[in-house]
Amino acid sequence: MEETEFLREYQPRLLEQMKKMMEHEHLAHAYLFEGDEGTGKHELSIWLAKRMFCEQVVQGNPCNVCLQCVRIDQREHPNVQIIEPDGQTIKVDQIRQLQAEFSKTGFETRDQCFIIRQSDTMSVSAANSLLKFLEEPPGKFVAILETASLGKMLPTIQSRCQVIHFAPLSKAHLMTRLTEKGISKSTARLLVQLTNSFSKAVEISEDEWFNESKEIAKKWFDLLITNTTDAFLFVQKQIVPLAKDKQQQVLLLKIVQGYYEEAFQTGKVSYREMELLLQAQRKIQANVSFQNSIEQFALRAVSS
């Protein structure tokens, strides 16, 4: 999906905002795009770079077919630089090289653009070097810094950028993004109940414990809604050995809650059953015994 189509679908407000800035020539010299992975930060970065250099803008959007747009897509445009972490961090030498490139006269135009992905991974020396660059720009450019963690950015850098917040994806949009990544619909439906972060959902989907747990939780859920006492026995045999610490215990019940919420929407479970599960979750958060809490829940659920 190309950038304009993606943004029109997932971040229409930000797309229109950026269009107006371009139309009225109100671009800032530095932006900080902040939001979860998968919410469109990089798509808007590339859209903006293309829009700056596009030879045949169509209704305020880059055409994606002219030489300038194609060269940006291929990372061959002389006036657009994209910086990514070298290993785990963005190093000071990468920023110095960027400064050296941008101190030269632009080959085709004086306008220049650089994009720093995962900018919160900059080393301290790299961040300080970038700060000097932003304070004393060598020419006309637009800087775009992308981050999923605004709190990790130096306040001095934040103060020199216009911060653009990317809203989390709606559950429907998150479902679409997850299935586009190859995650099954059943797993995607469960993941959107656990998190509204695309990157976190993908991370969870790849976790071995999660994939084992969702199958066991589904079996327990099926026993619970069929009102069989086997649901009580299942706790000691399968659930307790699976959830060894509080983090796993909390996540396991969230997985079960995901199954309950999906069933509630179709009328297969009642509000009272949902409330019983929430009561068990509150007890565990209050450090009441995990086994006692969910055994009591199971007994009350099958007798409801």
C-alpha atoms as a PDB file:
ATOM      1  CA  MET A   1       0.000   0.000   0.000  1.00  0.00           C
ATOM      2  CA  GLU A   2       1.544   3.314  -1.066  1.00  0.00           C
ATOM      3  CA  GLU A   3       1.850   6.161   1.409  1.00  0.00           C
ATOM      4  CA  THR A   4      -1.114   8.338   0.398  1.00  0.00           C
ATOM      5  CA  GLU A   5      -3.482   5.369   0.409  1.00  0.00           C
ATOM      6  CA  PHE A   6      -2.178   4.187   3.788  1.00  0.00           C
ATOM      7  CA  LEU A   7      -2.479   7.623   5.385  1.00  0.00           C
ATOM      8  CA  ARG A   8      -5.918   8.256   3.909  1.00  0.00           C
ATOM      9  CA  GLU A   9      -7.049   4.985   5.506  1.00  0.00           C
ATOM     10  CA  TYR A  10      -5.260   5.111   8.870  1.00  0.00           C
ATOM     11  CA  GLN A  11      -4.264   8.733   9.590  1.00  0.00           C
ATOM     12  CA  PRO A  12      -6.590  10.976   7.510  1.00  0.00           C
ATOM     13  CA  ARG A  13      -6.412  13.923   9.942  1.00  0.00           C
ATOM     14  CA  LEU A  14      -2.613  14.057   9.846  1.00  0.00           C
ATOM     15  CA  LEU A  15      -2.593  13.722   6.068  1.00  0.00           C
ATOM     16  CA  GLU A  16      -4.904  16.719   5.679  1.00  0.00           C
ATOM     17  CA  GLN A  17      -2.890  18.677   8.246  1.00  0.00           C
ATOM     18  CA  MET A  18       0.334  18.078   6.332  1.00  0.00           C
ATOM     19  CA  LYS A  19      -1.322  18.935   3.012  1.00  0.00           C
ATOM     20  CA  LYS A  20      -2.382  22.313   4.378  1.00  0.00           C
ATOM     21  CA  MET A  21       1.124  22.999   5.695  1.00  0.00           C
ATOM     22  CA  MET A  22       2.540  22.287   2.236  1.00  0.00           C
ATOM     23  CA  GLU A  23      -0.097  24.334   0.420  1.00  0.00           C
ATOM     24  CA  HIS A  24       0.453  27.367   2.650  1.00  0.00           C
ATOM     25  CA  GLU A  25       4.241  26.860   2.813  1.00  0.00           C
ATOM     26  CA  HIS A  26       4.115  26.563   6.591  1.00  0.00           C
ATOM     27  CA  LEU A  27       6.496  23.630   6.916  1.00  0.00           C
ATOM     28  CA  ALA A  28       8.597  23.590  10.078  1.00  0.00           C
ATOM     29  CA  HIS A  29      12.305  22.924   9.688  1.00  0.00           C
ATOM     30  CA  ALA A  30      12.116  19.932  12.062  1.00  0.00           C
ATOM     31  CA  TYR A  31       9.375  17.452  12.977  1.00  0.00           C
ATOM     32  CA  LEU A  32       9.196  14.771  15.634  1.00  0.00           C
ATOM     33  CA  PHE A  33       6.747  12.048  14.597  1.00  0.00           C
ATOM     34  CA  GLU A  34       5.675  10.192  17.748  1.00  0.00           C
ATOM     35  CA  GLY A  35       3.518   7.060  17.937  1.00  0.00           C
ATOM     36  CA  ASP A  36       3.416   3.271  18.008  1.00  0.00           C
ATOM     37  CA  GLU A  37       5.067   1.264  15.277  1.00  0.00           C
ATOM     38  CA  GLY A  38       2.660   0.622  12.431  1.00  0.00           C
ATOM     39  CA  THR A  39       0.656   3.817  12.877  1.00  0.00           C
ATOM     40  CA  GLY A  40       2.088   5.533   9.789  1.00  0.00           C
ATOM     41  CA  LYS A  41       5.082   7.573  10.980  1.00  0.00           C
ATOM     42  CA  HIS A  42       7.395   6.403   8.221  1.00  0.00           C
ATOM     43  CA  GLU A  43       4.647   6.527   5.610  1.00  0.00           C
ATOM     44  CA  LEU A  44       4.097  10.208   6.405  1.00  0.00           C
ATOM     45  CA  SER A  45       7.861  10.844   6.381  1.00  0.00           C
ATOM     46  CA  ILE A  46       8.166   9.425   2.864  1.00  0.00           C
ATOM     47  CA  TRP A  47       4.973  11.198   1.778  1.00  0.00           C
ATOM     48  CA  LEU A  48       6.413  14.529   2.927  1.00  0.00           C
ATOM     49  CA  ALA A  49       9.771  13.921   1.238  1.00  0.00           C
ATOM     50  CA  LYS A  50       8.024  13.031  -2.019  1.00  0.00           C
ATOM     51  CA  ARG A  51       5.694  16.011  -1.727  1.00  0.00           C
ATOM     52  CA  MET A  52       8.687  18.331  -1.390  1.00  0.00           C
ATOM     53  CA  PHE A  53      10.277  17.144  -4.639  1.00  0.00           C
ATOM     54  CA  CYS A  54       7.385  15.735  -6.711  1.00  0.00           C
ATOM     55  CA  GLU A  55       7.259  17.083 -10.280  1.00  0.00           C
ATOM     56  CA  GLN A  56       3.509  16.619 -10.781  1.00  0.00           C
ATOM     57  CA  VAL A  57       1.530  16.887  -7.548  1.00  0.00           C
ATOM     58  CA  VAL A  58      -1.996  15.459  -7.831  1.00  0.00           C
ATOM     59  CA  GLN A  59      -4.679  16.974  -5.570  1.00  0.00           C
ATOM     60  CA  GLY A  60      -2.067  17.850  -2.966  1.00  0.00           C
ATOM     61  CA  ASN A  61      -0.452  14.409  -3.007  1.00  0.00           C
ATOM     62  CA  PRO A  62       2.807  13.256  -4.602  1.00  0.00           C
ATOM     63  CA  CYS A  63       2.250  11.415  -7.889  1.00  0.00           C
ATOM     64  CA  ASN A  64       4.500   8.429  -7.044  1.00  0.00           C
ATOM     65  CA  VAL A  65       5.440   8.016 -10.708  1.00  0.00           C
ATOM     66  CA  CYS A  66       7.720  10.946 -11.560  1.00  0.00           C
ATOM     67  CA  LEU A  67      11.498  10.548 -11.462  1.00  0.00           C
ATOM     68  CA  GLN A  68      11.765  12.331  -8.109  1.00  0.00           C
ATOM     69  CA  CYS A  69       9.183  10.107  -6.381  1.00  0.00           C
ATOM     70  CA  VAL A  70      10.682   6.943  -7.854  1.00  0.00           C
ATOM     71  CA  ARG A  71      14.186   7.911  -6.733  1.00  0.00           C
ATOM     72  CA  ILE A  72      12.930   8.510  -3.188  1.00  0.00           C
ATOM     73  CA  ASP A  73      11.266   5.087  -3.194  1.00  0.00           C
ATOM     74  CA  GLN A  74      14.544   3.552  -4.343  1.00  0.00           C
ATOM     75  CA  ARG A  75      16.569   5.567  -1.798  1.00  0.00           C
ATOM     76  CA  GLU A  76      18.574   7.117  -4.606  1.00  0.00           C
ATOM     77  CA  HIS A  77      17.490  10.753  -4.307  1.00  0.00           C
ATOM     78  CA  PRO A  78      20.550  12.968  -3.639  1.00  0.00           C
ATOM     79  CA  ASN A  79      18.584  15.357  -1.434  1.00  0.00           C
ATOM     80  CA  VAL A  80      16.774  12.836   0.755  1.00  0.00           C
ATOM     81  CA  GLN A  81      18.735  10.948   3.395  1.00  0.00           C
ATOM     82  CA  ILE A  82      17.274   8.180   5.585  1.00  0.00           C
ATOM     83  CA  ILE A  83      19.182   7.234   8.730  1.00  0.00           C
ATOM     84  CA  GLU A  84      18.491   3.973  10.573  1.00  0.00           C
ATOM     85  CA  PRO A  85      20.140   2.370  13.620  1.00  0.00           C
ATOM     86  CA  ASP A  86      23.497   0.758  12.974  1.00  0.00           C
ATOM     87  CA  GLY A  87      22.931  -2.301  15.132  1.00  0.00           C
ATOM     88  CA  GLN A  88      21.109  -1.247  18.291  1.00  0.00           C
ATOM     89  CA  THR A  89      21.840   2.489  18.124  1.00  0.00           C
ATOM     90  CA  ILE A  90      22.275   5.453  15.825  1.00  0.00           C
ATOM     91  CA  LYS A  91      25.923   6.408  16.220  1.00  0.00           C
ATOM     92  CA  VAL A  92      27.577   9.806  16.231  1.00  0.00           C
ATOM     93  CA  ASP A  93      29.485   9.006  13.015  1.00  0.00           C
ATOM     94  CA  GLN A  94      26.153   8.574  11.199  1.00  0.00           C
ATOM     95  CA  ILE A  95      25.065  12.065  12.265  1.00  0.00           C
ATOM     96  CA  ARG A  96      28.447  13.535  11.341  1.00  0.00           C
ATOM     97  CA  GLN A  97      28.239  11.943   7.910  1.00  0.00           C
ATOM     98  CA  LEU A  98      24.746  13.389   7.531  1.00  0.00           C
ATOM     99  CA  GLN A  99      26.063  16.832   8.458  1.00  0.00           C
ATOM    100  CA  ALA A 100      28.839  16.497   5.892  1.00  0.00           C
ATOM    101  CA  GLU A 101      26.363  15.568   3.160  1.00  0.00           C
ATOM    102  CA  PHE A 102      24.043  18.444   3.967  1.00  0.00           C
ATOM    103  CA  SER A 103      26.829  20.998   4.166  1.00  0.00           C
ATOM    104  CA  LYS A 104      27.301  20.532   0.417  1.00  0.00           C
ATOM    105  CA  THR A 105      25.207  22.408  -2.114  1.00  0.00           C
ATOM    106  CA  GLY A 106      22.226  20.325  -3.230  1.00  0.00           C
ATOM    107  CA  PHE A 107      22.806  18.659  -6.599  1.00  0.00           C
ATOM    108  CA  GLU A 108      19.378  19.458  -8.029  1.00  0.00           C
ATOM    109  CA  THR A 109      17.892  21.956  -5.587  1.00  0.00           C
ATOM    110  CA  ARG A 110      18.735  23.630  -2.329  1.00  0.00           C
ATOM    111  CA  ASP A 111      15.805  21.935  -0.608  1.00  0.00           C
ATOM    112  CA  GLN A 112      16.897  18.900   1.368  1.00  0.00           C
ATOM    113  CA  CYS A 113      15.241  16.408   3.676  1.00  0.00           C
ATOM    114  CA  PHE A 114      16.516  13.874   6.141  1.00  0.00           C
ATOM    115  CA  ILE A 115      14.591  11.214   8.026  1.00  0.00           C
ATOM    116  CA  ILE A 116      15.881   9.536  11.190  1.00  0.00           C
ATOM    117  CA  ARG A 117      14.059   6.304  11.997  1.00  0.00           C
ATOM    118  CA  GLN A 118      13.915   5.084  15.615  1.00  0.00           C
ATOM    119  CA  SER A 119      15.510   8.369  16.608  1.00  0.00           C
ATOM    120  CA  ASP A 120      15.186   7.488  20.307  1.00  0.00           C
ATOM    121  CA  THR A 121      18.047   4.987  19.766  1.00  0.00           C
ATOM    122  CA  MET A 122      20.572   7.777  19.182  1.00  0.00           C
ATOM    123  CA  SER A 123      23.595   7.627  21.455  1.00  0.00           C
ATOM    124  CA  VAL A 124      24.116  10.640  23.708  1.00  0.00           C
ATOM    125  CA  SER A 125      26.918  11.935  21.498  1.00  0.00           C
ATOM    126  CA  ALA A 126      24.800  11.420  18.360  1.00  0.00           C
ATOM    127  CA  ALA A 127      21.868  13.277  19.934  1.00  0.00           C
ATOM    128  CA  ASN A 128      24.100  16.180  20.977  1.00  0.00           C
ATOM    129  CA  SER A 129      25.624  16.328  17.495  1.00  0.00           C
ATOM    130  CA  LEU A 130      22.144  16.410  15.944  1.00  0.00           C
ATOM    131  CA  LEU A 131      21.108  19.144  18.376  1.00  0.00           C
ATOM    132  CA  LYS A 132      23.897  21.408  17.118  1.00  0.00           C
ATOM    133  CA  PHE A 133      22.823  20.637  13.558  1.00  0.00           C
ATOM    134  CA  LEU A 134      19.225  21.664  14.337  1.00  0.00           C
ATOM    135  CA  GLU A 135      20.369  24.822  16.118  1.00  0.00           C
ATOM    136  CA  GLU A 136      22.683  25.932  13.300  1.00  0.00           C
ATOM    137  CA  PRO A 137      21.268  24.481  10.058  1.00  0.00           C
ATOM    138  CA  PRO A 138      23.712  24.710   7.131  1.00  0.00           C
ATOM    139  CA  GLY A 139      20.978  25.412   4.599  1.00  0.00           C
ATOM    140  CA  LYS A 140      17.322  24.881   3.764  1.00  0.00           C
ATOM    141  CA  PHE A 141      16.115  21.480   4.925  1.00  0.00           C
ATOM    142  CA  VAL A 142      13.322  19.593   6.640  1.00  0.00           C
ATOM    143  CA  ALA A 143      14.298  17.144   9.390  1.00  0.00           C
ATOM    144  CA  ILE A 144      11.933  14.329  10.366  1.00  0.00           C
ATOM    145  CA  LEU A 145      12.628  12.298  13.489  1.00  0.00           C
ATOM    146  CA  GLU A 146      10.510   9.196  14.088  1.00  0.00           C
ATOM    147  CA  THR A 147      10.073   7.699  17.559  1.00  0.00           C
ATOM    148  CA  ALA A 148       7.824   5.281  19.398  1.00  0.00           C
ATOM    149  CA  SER A 149       9.074   6.616  22.745  1.00  0.00           C
ATOM    150  CA  LEU A 150       8.927  10.378  23.147  1.00  0.00           C
ATOM    151  CA  GLY A 151      10.221  10.137  26.720  1.00  0.00           C
ATOM    152  CA  LYS A 152      13.580   8.847  25.456  1.00  0.00           C
ATOM    153  CA  MET A 153      14.200  11.944  23.347  1.00  0.00           C
ATOM    154  CA  LEU A 154      16.300  14.793  24.731  1.00  0.00           C
ATOM    155  CA  PRO A 155      14.008  17.647  25.853  1.00  0.00           C
ATOM    156  CA  THR A 156      16.290  20.065  23.992  1.00  0.00           C
ATOM    157  CA  ILE A 157      15.684  18.182  20.741  1.00  0.00           C
ATOM    158  CA  GLN A 158      11.947  18.019  21.411  1.00  0.00           C
ATOM    159  CA  SER A 159      11.866  21.786  21.931  1.00  0.00           C
ATOM    160  CA  ARG A 160      13.383  22.373  18.483  1.00  0.00           C
ATOM    161  CA  CYS A 161      10.883  20.154  16.682  1.00  0.00           C
ATOM    162  CA  GLN A 162       7.180  20.354  15.971  1.00  0.00           C
ATOM    163  CA  VAL A 163       5.840  17.226  17.640  1.00  0.00           C
ATOM    164  CA  ILE A 164       3.218  15.320  15.626  1.00  0.00           C
ATOM    165  CA  HIS A 165       1.322  12.652  17.581  1.00  0.00           C
ATOM    166  CA  PHE A 166       0.077   9.582  15.701  1.00  0.00           C
ATOM    167  CA  ALA A 167      -3.141   8.167  17.137  1.00  0.00           C
ATOM    168  CA  PRO A 168      -3.201   4.426  17.898  1.00  0.00           C
ATOM    169  CA  LEU A 169      -4.934   2.313  15.286  1.00  0.00           C
ATOM    170  CA  SER A 170      -8.581   1.480  15.913  1.00  0.00           C
ATOM    171  CA  LYS A 171      -9.277  -2.189  16.622  1.00  0.00           C
ATOM    172  CA  ALA A 172     -10.654  -2.632  13.106  1.00  0.00           C
ATOM    173  CA  HIS A 173      -7.588  -1.034  11.519  1.00  0.00           C
ATOM    174  CA  LEU A 174      -5.243  -2.946  13.812  1.00  0.00           C
ATOM    175  CA  MET A 175      -6.984  -6.168  12.798  1.00  0.00           C
ATOM    176  CA  THR A 176      -6.424  -5.302   9.144  1.00  0.00           C
ATOM    177  CA  ARG A 177      -2.744  -4.489   9.656  1.00  0.00           C
ATOM    178  CA  LEU A 178      -2.157  -7.731  11.566  1.00  0.00           C
ATOM    179  CA  THR A 179      -3.851  -9.910   8.968  1.00  0.00           C
ATOM    180  CA  GLU A 180      -1.896  -8.100   6.229  1.00  0.00           C
ATOM    181  CA  LYS A 181       1.229  -9.218   8.068  1.00  0.00           C
ATOM    182  CA  GLY A 182       0.092 -12.830   7.797  1.00  0.00           C
ATOM    183  CA  ILE A 183      -1.379 -13.287  11.273  1.00  0.00           C
ATOM    184  CA  SER A 184      -4.531 -15.419  11.258  1.00  0.00           C
ATOM    185  CA  LYS A 185      -7.854 -13.683  11.826  1.00  0.00           C
ATOM    186  CA  SER A 186      -8.549 -15.663  15.005  1.00  0.00           C
ATOM    187  CA  THR A 187      -5.194 -14.691  16.519  1.00  0.00           C
ATOM    188  CA  ALA A 188      -5.564 -11.085  15.319  1.00  0.00           C
ATOM    189  CA  ARG A 189      -8.999 -10.844  16.974  1.00  0.00           C
ATOM    190  CA  LEU A 190      -7.408 -11.962  20.234  1.00  0.00           C
ATOM    191  CA  LEU A 191      -4.399  -9.640  19.923  1.00  0.00           C
ATOM    192  CA  VAL A 192      -6.542  -6.512  19.488  1.00  0.00           C
ATOM    193  CA  GLN A 193      -8.138  -7.329  22.850  1.00  0.00           C
ATOM    194  CA  LEU A 194      -4.678  -7.409  24.453  1.00  0.00           C
ATOM    195  CA  THR A 195      -3.096  -4.253  23.003  1.00  0.00           C
ATOM    196  CA  ASN A 196      -3.730  -1.319  20.647  1.00  0.00           C
ATOM    197  CA  SER A 197      -0.058  -1.241  19.609  1.00  0.00           C
ATOM    198  CA  PHE A 198       0.785  -2.841  16.264  1.00  0.00           C
ATOM    199  CA  SER A 199       4.408  -3.550  17.211  1.00  0.00           C
ATOM    200  CA  LYS A 200       3.412  -5.008  20.589  1.00  0.00           C
ATOM    201  CA  ALA A 201       0.760  -7.183  18.945  1.00  0.00           C
ATOM    202  CA  VAL A 202       3.308  -8.545  16.474  1.00  0.00           C
ATOM    203  CA  GLU A 203       5.770  -9.154  19.313  1.00  0.00           C
ATOM    204  CA  ILE A 204       3.144 -11.057  21.314  1.00  0.00           C
ATOM    205  CA  SER A 205       2.109 -13.107  18.267  1.00  0.00           C
ATOM    206  CA  GLU A 206       5.687 -14.354  17.872  1.00  0.00           C
ATOM    207  CA  ASP A 207       6.047 -15.372  21.523  1.00  0.00           C
ATOM    208  CA  GLU A 208       6.158 -19.141  22.075  1.00  0.00           C
ATOM    209  CA  TRP A 209       4.475 -18.922  25.502  1.00  0.00           C
ATOM    210  CA  PHE A 210       1.615 -16.869  24.065  1.00  0.00           C
ATOM    211  CA  ASN A 211       0.957 -19.339  21.259  1.00  0.00           C
ATOM    212  CA  GLU A 212       0.843 -22.241  23.711  1.00  0.00           C
ATOM    213  CA  SER A 213      -1.250 -20.271  26.182  1.00  0.00           C
ATOM    214  CA  LYS A 214      -3.912 -19.120  23.721  1.00  0.00           C
ATOM    215  CA  GLU A 215      -4.656 -22.737  22.815  1.00  0.00           C
ATOM    216  CA  ILE A 216      -4.918 -23.840  26.452  1.00  0.00           C
ATOM    217  CA  ALA A 217      -6.940 -20.739  27.363  1.00  0.00           C
ATOM    218  CA  LYS A 218      -9.358 -21.516  24.525  1.00  0.00           C
ATOM    219  CA  LYS A 219      -9.866 -25.065  25.831  1.00  0.00           C
ATOM    220  CA  TRP A 220     -10.539 -23.685  29.321  1.00  0.00           C
ATOM    221  CA  PHE A 221     -12.916 -21.080  27.949  1.00  0.00           C
ATOM    222  CA  ASP A 222     -14.866 -23.768  26.075  1.00  0.00           C
ATOM    223  CA  LEU A 223     -15.205 -25.767  29.302  1.00  0.00           C
ATOM    224  CA  LEU A 224     -16.315 -22.679  31.214  1.00  0.00           C
ATOM    225  CA  ILE A 225     -19.105 -21.708  28.835  1.00  0.00           C
ATOM    226  CA  THR A 226     -20.416 -25.279  28.582  1.00  0.00           C
ATOM    227  CA  ASN A 227     -20.889 -25.237  32.385  1.00  0.00           C
ATOM    228  CA  THR A 228     -18.888 -28.382  33.008  1.00  0.00           C
ATOM    229  CA  THR A 229     -17.069 -29.067  36.289  1.00  0.00           C
ATOM    230  CA  ASP A 230     -14.076 -30.091  34.184  1.00  0.00           C
ATOM    231  CA  ALA A 231     -13.353 -26.371  34.010  1.00  0.00           C
ATOM    232  CA  PHE A 232     -12.492 -26.467  37.726  1.00  0.00           C
ATOM    233  CA  LEU A 233     -10.191 -29.504  37.337  1.00  0.00           C
ATOM    234  CA  PHE A 234      -8.542 -27.890  34.300  1.00  0.00           C
ATOM    235  CA  VAL A 235      -7.224 -25.095  36.522  1.00  0.00           C
ATOM    236  CA  GLN A 236      -4.863 -27.309  38.507  1.00  0.00           C
ATOM    237  CA  LYS A 237      -3.936 -29.567  35.596  1.00  0.00           C
ATOM    238  CA  GLN A 238      -3.266 -26.986  32.887  1.00  0.00           C
ATOM    239  CA  ILE A 239      -3.676 -23.355  33.928  1.00  0.00           C
ATOM    240  CA  VAL A 240      -1.577 -23.156  37.101  1.00  0.00           C
ATOM    241  CA  PRO A 241       1.472 -24.970  35.612  1.00  0.00           C
ATOM    242  CA  LEU A 242       1.309 -22.695  32.562  1.00  0.00           C
ATOM    243  CA  ALA A 243       1.236 -19.329  34.370  1.00  0.00           C
ATOM    244  CA  LYS A 244       4.345 -19.426  36.554  1.00  0.00           C
ATOM    245  CA  ASP A 245       4.640 -15.756  37.491  1.00  0.00           C
ATOM    246  CA  LYS A 246       2.324 -12.797  37.943  1.00  0.00           C
ATOM    247  CA  GLN A 247       3.048 -11.322  34.505  1.00  0.00           C
ATOM    248  CA  GLN A 248       2.051 -14.590  32.835  1.00  0.00           C
ATOM    249  CA  GLN A 249      -0.971 -14.939  35.113  1.00  0.00           C
ATOM    250  CA  VAL A 250      -2.242 -11.471  34.217  1.00  0.00           C
ATOM    251  CA  LEU A 251      -1.664 -12.021  30.485  1.00  0.00           C
ATOM    252  CA  LEU A 252      -3.324 -15.440  30.568  1.00  0.00           C
ATOM    253  CA  LEU A 253      -6.494 -13.982  32.054  1.00  0.00           C
ATOM    254  CA  LYS A 254      -6.408 -11.192  29.473  1.00  0.00           C
ATOM    255  CA  ILE A 255      -6.316 -13.880  26.785  1.00  0.00           C
ATOM    256  CA  VAL A 256      -9.333 -15.557  28.392  1.00  0.00           C
ATOM    257  CA  GLN A 257     -10.987 -12.142  28.593  1.00  0.00           C
ATOM    258  CA  GLY A 258     -10.425 -11.745  24.862  1.00  0.00           C
ATOM    259  CA  TYR A 259     -12.367 -14.931  24.209  1.00  0.00           C
ATOM    260  CA  TYR A 260     -15.118 -13.769  26.590  1.00  0.00           C
ATOM    261  CA  GLU A 261     -15.416 -10.349  24.932  1.00  0.00           C
ATOM    262  CA  GLU A 262     -15.719 -11.889  21.483  1.00  0.00           C
ATOM    263  CA  ALA A 263     -18.388 -14.308  22.791  1.00  0.00           C
ATOM    264  CA  PHE A 264     -20.181 -11.481  24.628  1.00  0.00           C
ATOM    265  CA  GLN A 265     -20.541  -9.536  21.378  1.00  0.00           C
ATOM    266  CA  THR A 266     -22.367 -12.478  19.826  1.00  0.00           C
ATOM    267  CA  GLY A 267     -24.530 -13.124  22.920  1.00  0.00           C
ATOM    268  CA  LYS A 268     -22.869 -16.414  23.877  1.00  0.00           C
ATOM    269  CA  VAL A 269     -21.949 -15.227  27.377  1.00  0.00           C
ATOM    270  CA  SER A 270     -23.667 -12.880  29.792  1.00  0.00           C
ATOM    271  CA  TYR A 271     -22.531  -9.691  31.463  1.00  0.00           C
ATOM    272  CA  ARG A 272     -22.497 -11.544  34.799  1.00  0.00           C
ATOM    273  CA  GLU A 273     -19.923 -14.028  33.468  1.00  0.00           C
ATOM    274  CA  MET A 274     -17.787 -11.152  32.246  1.00  0.00           C
ATOM    275  CA  GLU A 275     -18.013  -9.520  35.671  1.00  0.00           C
ATOM    276  CA  LEU A 276     -16.935 -12.747  37.408  1.00  0.00           C
ATOM    277  CA  LEU A 277     -13.780 -12.819  35.292  1.00  0.00           C
ATOM    278  CA  LEU A 278     -13.051  -9.156  36.021  1.00  0.00           C
ATOM    279  CA  GLN A 279     -13.425  -9.853  39.752  1.00  0.00           C
ATOM    280  CA  ALA A 280     -10.842 -12.648  39.483  1.00  0.00           C
ATOM    281  CA  GLN A 281      -8.476 -10.315  37.639  1.00  0.00           C
ATOM    282  CA  ARG A 282      -8.831  -7.660  40.351  1.00  0.00           C
ATOM    283  CA  LYS A 283      -8.043 -10.228  43.053  1.00  0.00           C
ATOM    284  CA  ILE A 284      -4.859 -11.315  41.280  1.00  0.00           C
ATOM    285  CA  GLN A 285      -3.788  -7.685  40.860  1.00  0.00           C
ATOM    286  CA  ALA A 286      -4.319  -7.330  44.625  1.00  0.00           C
ATOM    287  CA  ASN A 287      -1.960 -10.308  45.198  1.00  0.00           C
ATOM    288  CA  VAL A 288      -4.642 -12.803  46.161  1.00  0.00           C
ATOM    289  CA  SER A 289      -3.563 -16.377  45.339  1.00  0.00           C
ATOM    290  CA  PHE A 290      -3.775 -16.992  41.593  1.00  0.00           C
ATOM    291  CA  GLN A 291      -4.975 -20.575  41.947  1.00  0.00           C
ATOM    292  CA  ASN A 292      -7.587 -19.737  44.576  1.00  0.00           C
ATOM    293  CA  SER A 293      -8.887 -16.802  42.553  1.00  0.00           C
ATOM    294  CA  ILE A 294      -9.385 -18.680  39.301  1.00  0.00           C
ATOM    295  CA  GLU A 295     -10.705 -21.848  40.957  1.00  0.00           C
ATOM    296  CA  GLN A 296     -13.361 -19.715  42.651  1.00  0.00           C
ATOM    297  CA  PHE A 297     -14.052 -18.028  39.314  1.00  0.00           C
ATOM    298  CA  ALA A 298     -14.399 -21.402  37.580  1.00  0.00           C
ATOM    299  CA  LEU A 299     -16.854 -22.697  40.194  1.00  0.00           C
ATOM    300  CA  ARG A 300     -18.992 -19.563  40.010  1.00  0.00           C
ATOM    301  CA  ALA A 301     -18.840 -19.430  36.207  1.00  0.00           C
ATOM    302  CA  VAL A 302     -20.037 -22.997  35.641  1.00  0.00           C
ATOM    303  CA  SER A 303     -22.851 -22.574  38.167  1.00  0.00           C
ATOM    304  CA  SER A 304     -24.105 -19.308  36.678  1.00  0.00           C
END
